[in-house]
Amino acid sequence: MEFGRLVTQRDEWGCGAACVASLLAISYGDALTRLEHYKGAGINEQPKGLEPTPIIHVLRDAGYEATKQYKACSWPLGTIVLLTWEFGRYKDCGHYMLLTGRGWMDPWYNLNKRPRKSQYRSVLPKNTAVKAALVVKRS
């Protein structure tokens, strides 16, 4: 497996797991298990999805340093951003994407459609704002 490969989220709230799997070059299932351990619940259980903290713990366990930033900047490869939508079905919900050498790895590119598809984006989606960015570097 390689860093930055496309990983499609398998769960409704699995975008963070897909980004971690892509960044660490592990399976989606392995990433999900690690994240649910730190969340203390399933990915689809209340509260649904993931806050950045479980992701930070999993990345640290894997030998990465992850720092949370809130201001938009020029992010290095490996940055995971948490986006929020300004309106629509996912208003006030988050969606994680990973910055790779091929662009932003979006684990559910065709949002609201099935089957889910992942794809690289050259820019972040319109009508979104960065809620937080996890800037990642090897320790």
Protein backbone atom coordinates (compact mmCIF):
# COMPACT_ATOMS: atom_id res chain seq x y z
CA MET A 1 0.00 0.00 0.00
CA GLU A 2 1.15 3.52 -0.66
CA PHE A 3 0.76 6.91 0.97
CA GLY A 4 -1.89 9.01 -0.70
CA ARG A 5 -3.72 6.24 -2.52
CA LEU A 6 -7.46 6.56 -3.02
CA VAL A 7 -9.40 5.06 -0.14
CA THR A 8 -13.18 5.13 -0.30
CA GLN A 9 -14.97 5.43 3.00
CA ARG A 10 -17.14 2.41 3.73
CA ASP A 11 -19.19 3.99 6.49
CA GLU A 12 -21.47 7.03 6.49
CA TRP A 13 -19.08 8.78 8.87
CA GLY A 14 -15.85 7.07 7.76
CA CYS A 15 -14.03 9.87 5.93
CA GLY A 16 -11.51 10.32 8.76
CA ALA A 17 -10.76 6.59 8.75
CA ALA A 18 -10.23 6.65 4.97
CA CYS A 19 -7.81 9.59 5.27
CA VAL A 20 -5.84 7.88 8.05
CA ALA A 21 -5.70 4.65 5.99
CA SER A 22 -4.38 6.56 2.98
CA LEU A 23 -1.83 8.54 5.01
CA LEU A 24 -0.48 5.55 6.92
CA ALA A 25 -0.73 3.16 3.95
CA ILE A 26 -2.86 0.70 5.95
CA SER A 27 -6.26 -0.85 5.29
CA TYR A 28 -9.48 1.02 5.96
CA GLY A 29 -10.46 -1.66 8.49
CA ASP A 30 -7.19 -1.29 10.41
CA ALA A 31 -7.55 2.52 10.51
CA LEU A 32 -11.17 2.18 11.66
CA THR A 33 -10.22 -0.19 14.49
CA ARG A 34 -7.48 2.14 15.72
CA LEU A 35 -9.71 5.23 15.57
CA GLU A 36 -12.68 3.57 17.27
CA HIS A 37 -10.35 2.54 20.10
CA TYR A 38 -9.51 6.18 20.82
CA LYS A 39 -13.05 7.39 20.21
CA GLY A 40 -14.33 4.75 22.63
CA ALA A 41 -17.26 3.96 20.32
CA GLY A 42 -18.09 2.98 16.76
CA ILE A 43 -17.65 5.48 13.97
CA ASN A 44 -21.39 5.60 13.28
CA GLU A 45 -22.37 5.77 16.97
CA GLN A 46 -23.21 9.00 18.75
CA PRO A 47 -21.55 11.34 18.44
CA LYS A 48 -21.26 10.32 14.80
CA GLY A 49 -17.96 10.65 12.99
CA LEU A 50 -14.69 11.75 14.51
CA GLU A 51 -13.31 14.79 16.19
CA PRO A 52 -9.63 15.45 15.41
CA THR A 53 -8.34 14.08 18.75
CA PRO A 54 -8.65 10.33 17.96
CA ILE A 55 -6.92 10.95 14.62
CA ILE A 56 -4.08 12.76 16.38
CA HIS A 57 -3.63 9.83 18.80
CA VAL A 58 -3.54 7.24 16.00
CA LEU A 59 -1.03 9.30 14.02
CA ARG A 60 1.19 9.72 17.08
CA ASP A 61 1.08 5.96 17.71
CA ALA A 62 2.32 5.53 14.12
CA GLY A 63 5.28 7.87 14.68
CA TYR A 64 3.84 11.10 13.29
CA GLU A 65 3.56 14.48 14.91
CA ALA A 66 0.18 16.08 14.25
CA THR A 67 -0.66 19.65 15.16
CA LYS A 68 -4.06 21.26 14.81
CA GLN A 69 -4.29 24.58 12.94
CA TYR A 70 -7.28 26.77 12.28
CA LYS A 71 -6.00 29.32 9.78
CA ALA A 72 -5.74 28.55 6.10
CA CYS A 73 -2.17 28.40 4.92
CA SER A 74 0.06 26.54 2.54
CA TRP A 75 -0.21 23.05 3.99
CA PRO A 76 2.41 20.33 3.46
CA LEU A 77 1.61 16.95 1.93
CA GLY A 78 -0.03 14.68 4.48
CA THR A 79 -2.24 17.41 5.94
CA ILE A 80 -5.74 16.24 6.81
CA VAL A 81 -8.38 18.97 6.72
CA LEU A 82 -11.77 18.91 8.39
CA LEU A 83 -14.26 20.77 6.22
CA THR A 84 -17.70 22.10 7.03
CA TRP A 85 -20.39 23.00 4.54
CA GLU A 86 -21.94 26.45 4.56
CA PHE A 87 -25.41 25.08 3.70
CA GLY A 88 -27.21 21.92 2.59
CA ARG A 89 -27.61 18.44 4.07
CA TYR A 90 -24.17 18.41 5.67
CA LYS A 91 -24.28 21.95 7.11
CA ASP A 92 -22.42 21.94 10.40
CA CYS A 93 -21.14 18.41 9.71
CA GLY A 94 -17.55 17.65 8.94
CA HIS A 95 -15.77 15.90 6.09
CA TYR A 96 -12.08 14.97 6.11
CA MET A 97 -9.75 15.12 3.10
CA LEU A 98 -6.05 14.34 2.79
CA LEU A 99 -3.53 16.40 0.82
CA THR A 100 -1.44 14.10 -1.41
CA GLY A 101 0.96 14.58 -4.30
CA ARG A 102 -2.00 14.03 -6.65
CA GLY A 103 -4.27 16.56 -4.96
CA TRP A 104 -6.87 16.33 -2.20
CA MET A 105 -7.91 12.72 -1.64
CA ASP A 106 -11.67 12.90 -1.14
CA PRO A 107 -12.96 9.61 0.31
CA TRP A 108 -16.57 10.29 -0.78
CA TYR A 109 -16.24 12.44 -3.87
CA ASN A 110 -19.79 11.77 -5.08
CA LEU A 111 -21.33 12.77 -1.74
CA ASN A 112 -24.91 11.56 -1.21
CA LYS A 113 -24.63 8.96 -3.99
CA ARG A 114 -24.09 5.22 -3.92
CA PRO A 115 -21.87 3.46 -4.46
CA ARG A 116 -19.46 5.83 -2.77
CA LYS A 117 -16.46 6.82 -4.88
CA SER A 118 -13.16 8.39 -3.91
CA GLN A 119 -11.30 10.74 -6.20
CA TYR A 120 -8.55 13.35 -6.18
CA ARG A 121 -9.54 17.02 -6.27
CA SER A 122 -7.28 19.84 -7.38
CA VAL A 123 -9.02 22.24 -4.96
CA LEU A 124 -11.26 21.86 -1.93
CA PRO A 125 -15.01 21.71 -2.72
CA LYS A 126 -16.99 24.92 -3.16
CA ASN A 127 -19.19 26.12 -0.32
CA THR A 128 -16.90 24.59 2.31
CA ALA A 129 -14.74 26.08 5.02
CA VAL A 130 -11.77 24.54 6.81
CA LYS A 131 -12.80 23.91 10.41
CA ALA A 132 -9.40 22.49 11.37
CA ALA A 133 -6.26 21.20 9.68
CA LEU A 134 -4.10 18.44 11.08
CA VAL A 135 -0.59 19.21 9.87
CA VAL A 136 1.34 15.96 9.95
CA LYS A 137 5.06 15.27 9.88
CA ARG A 138 7.22 12.29 10.69
CA SER A 139 8.60 12.43 14.27
